[in-house]
Amino acid sequence: MRARTVEPGACLTTNFAARATDGASPDELVPEPYRAFAKKAMDEFAGQDLFTREGDVAETVWRAVHDTTGQLRFPAGPDAVRLAQAK
């Protein structure tokens, strides 16, 4: 058995966050003392210049499945690649 790890970056073009939070607003999810911090963090996250698209993940999964080099980790998307290179 072979195992690979596909490491996607921030995929801002999906509705994952809305589905994961059942459509609740950040004000409903974050306690008052942390709201300003959470808002700033989420605004910066959503305003990234590099992010992952669904196709990036699909292509990376395909590469991981067909890889014969023994590589274990496969960053998916330009933001994930940049993070992996920074390590």
C-alpha atoms as a PDB file:
ATOM      1  CA  MET A   1       0.000   0.000   0.000  1.00  0.00           C
ATOM      2  CA  ARG A   2       1.242   3.510  -0.840  1.00  0.00           C
ATOM      3  CA  ALA A   3       0.158   6.699   0.849  1.00  0.00           C
ATOM      4  CA  ARG A   4       0.566  10.290  -0.277  1.00  0.00           C
ATOM      5  CA  THR A   5      -0.424  13.562   1.343  1.00  0.00           C
ATOM      6  CA  VAL A   6      -2.042  16.255  -0.796  1.00  0.00           C
ATOM      7  CA  GLU A   7      -1.757  19.599   0.989  1.00  0.00           C
ATOM      8  CA  PRO A   8      -4.167  22.139  -0.492  1.00  0.00           C
ATOM      9  CA  GLY A   9      -3.820  25.822   0.172  1.00  0.00           C
ATOM     10  CA  ALA A  10      -6.670  28.242   0.779  1.00  0.00           C
ATOM     11  CA  CYS A  11      -9.376  27.478  -1.760  1.00  0.00           C
ATOM     12  CA  LEU A  12     -11.317  30.734  -1.744  1.00  0.00           C
ATOM     13  CA  THR A  13     -13.508  29.836  -4.725  1.00  0.00           C
ATOM     14  CA  THR A  14     -15.625  27.210  -2.952  1.00  0.00           C
ATOM     15  CA  ASN A  15     -18.515  27.527  -0.520  1.00  0.00           C
ATOM     16  CA  PHE A  16     -16.738  25.374   2.087  1.00  0.00           C
ATOM     17  CA  ALA A  17     -16.786  28.036   4.817  1.00  0.00           C
ATOM     18  CA  ALA A  18     -20.494  28.759   4.398  1.00  0.00           C
ATOM     19  CA  ARG A  19     -21.342  25.073   4.482  1.00  0.00           C
ATOM     20  CA  ALA A  20     -19.034  24.368   7.445  1.00  0.00           C
ATOM     21  CA  THR A  21     -20.635  27.154   9.460  1.00  0.00           C
ATOM     22  CA  ASP A  22     -24.177  26.456   8.247  1.00  0.00           C
ATOM     23  CA  GLY A  23     -24.331  30.025   6.941  1.00  0.00           C
ATOM     24  CA  ALA A  24     -23.783  31.618  10.364  1.00  0.00           C
ATOM     25  CA  SER A  25     -22.087  35.020  10.422  1.00  0.00           C
ATOM     26  CA  PRO A  26     -18.726  35.515  12.134  1.00  0.00           C
ATOM     27  CA  ASP A  27     -20.506  37.539  14.829  1.00  0.00           C
ATOM     28  CA  GLU A  28     -22.516  34.446  15.698  1.00  0.00           C
ATOM     29  CA  LEU A  29     -19.478  32.164  15.727  1.00  0.00           C
ATOM     30  CA  VAL A  30     -16.820  34.238  17.481  1.00  0.00           C
ATOM     31  CA  PRO A  31     -17.164  35.417  21.091  1.00  0.00           C
ATOM     32  CA  GLU A  32     -17.154  39.206  21.492  1.00  0.00           C
ATOM     33  CA  PRO A  33     -13.635  39.540  22.973  1.00  0.00           C
ATOM     34  CA  TYR A  34     -12.149  37.870  19.872  1.00  0.00           C
ATOM     35  CA  ARG A  35     -14.286  39.380  17.087  1.00  0.00           C
ATOM     36  CA  ALA A  36     -11.919  42.187  16.081  1.00  0.00           C
ATOM     37  CA  PHE A  37      -8.982  39.777  15.895  1.00  0.00           C
ATOM     38  CA  ALA A  38     -11.028  37.178  13.969  1.00  0.00           C
ATOM     39  CA  LYS A  39     -12.288  39.786  11.506  1.00  0.00           C
ATOM     40  CA  LYS A  40      -8.783  41.057  10.803  1.00  0.00           C
ATOM     41  CA  ALA A  41      -7.456  37.510  10.350  1.00  0.00           C
ATOM     42  CA  MET A  42     -10.299  36.483   8.035  1.00  0.00           C
ATOM     43  CA  ASP A  43     -10.025  39.685   5.967  1.00  0.00           C
ATOM     44  CA  GLU A  44      -6.301  39.044   5.461  1.00  0.00           C
ATOM     45  CA  PHE A  45      -6.969  35.392   4.645  1.00  0.00           C
ATOM     46  CA  ALA A  46      -9.629  36.264   2.055  1.00  0.00           C
ATOM     47  CA  GLY A  47      -7.476  39.023   0.548  1.00  0.00           C
ATOM     48  CA  GLN A  48      -4.519  36.817  -0.381  1.00  0.00           C
ATOM     49  CA  ASP A  49      -2.921  37.353  -3.767  1.00  0.00           C
ATOM     50  CA  LEU A  50      -2.179  33.632  -4.143  1.00  0.00           C
ATOM     51  CA  PHE A  51      -4.747  30.959  -3.474  1.00  0.00           C
ATOM     52  CA  THR A  52      -5.707  27.465  -4.539  1.00  0.00           C
ATOM     53  CA  ARG A  53      -8.368  26.650  -7.113  1.00  0.00           C
ATOM     54  CA  GLU A  54     -10.324  23.434  -7.314  1.00  0.00           C
ATOM     55  CA  GLY A  55      -8.438  22.403 -10.439  1.00  0.00           C
ATOM     56  CA  ASP A  56      -5.114  22.773  -8.610  1.00  0.00           C
ATOM     57  CA  VAL A  57      -6.237  20.171  -6.087  1.00  0.00           C
ATOM     58  CA  ALA A  58      -7.571  17.801  -8.752  1.00  0.00           C
ATOM     59  CA  GLU A  59      -4.323  18.005 -10.748  1.00  0.00           C
ATOM     60  CA  THR A  60      -2.238  17.467  -7.623  1.00  0.00           C
ATOM     61  CA  VAL A  61      -4.260  14.419  -6.597  1.00  0.00           C
ATOM     62  CA  TRP A  62      -3.696  13.002 -10.096  1.00  0.00           C
ATOM     63  CA  ARG A  63       0.060  13.649  -9.826  1.00  0.00           C
ATOM     64  CA  ALA A  64       0.208  12.080  -6.361  1.00  0.00           C
ATOM     65  CA  VAL A  65      -1.641   8.962  -7.490  1.00  0.00           C
ATOM     66  CA  HIS A  66       0.632   8.481 -10.496  1.00  0.00           C
ATOM     67  CA  ASP A  67       3.908   9.476  -8.826  1.00  0.00           C
ATOM     68  CA  THR A  68       6.694   6.907  -8.952  1.00  0.00           C
ATOM     69  CA  THR A  69       9.420   8.962  -7.251  1.00  0.00           C
ATOM     70  CA  GLY A  70       8.410   8.165  -3.683  1.00  0.00           C
ATOM     71  CA  GLN A  71       7.487  11.768  -2.923  1.00  0.00           C
ATOM     72  CA  LEU A  72       5.190  11.860   0.111  1.00  0.00           C
ATOM     73  CA  ARG A  73       3.924  15.444   0.277  1.00  0.00           C
ATOM     74  CA  PHE A  74       2.228  17.243  -2.606  1.00  0.00           C
ATOM     75  CA  PRO A  75       1.319  20.890  -2.059  1.00  0.00           C
ATOM     76  CA  ALA A  76      -1.709  21.869  -4.148  1.00  0.00           C
ATOM     77  CA  GLY A  77      -2.025  25.445  -5.367  1.00  0.00           C
ATOM     78  CA  PRO A  78       0.430  28.335  -5.582  1.00  0.00           C
ATOM     79  CA  ASP A  79      -0.060  29.409  -1.966  1.00  0.00           C
ATOM     80  CA  ALA A  80       0.585  25.878  -0.702  1.00  0.00           C
ATOM     81  CA  VAL A  81       3.665  25.581  -2.916  1.00  0.00           C
ATOM     82  CA  ARG A  82       5.013  28.888  -1.572  1.00  0.00           C
ATOM     83  CA  LEU A  83       4.442  27.732   2.002  1.00  0.00           C
ATOM     84  CA  ALA A  84       6.118  24.365   1.355  1.00  0.00           C
ATOM     85  CA  GLN A  85       9.145  26.113  -0.160  1.00  0.00           C
ATOM     86  CA  ALA A  86       9.426  28.394   2.862  1.00  0.00           C
ATOM     87  CA  LYS A  87       9.821  25.461   5.272  1.00  0.00           C
END
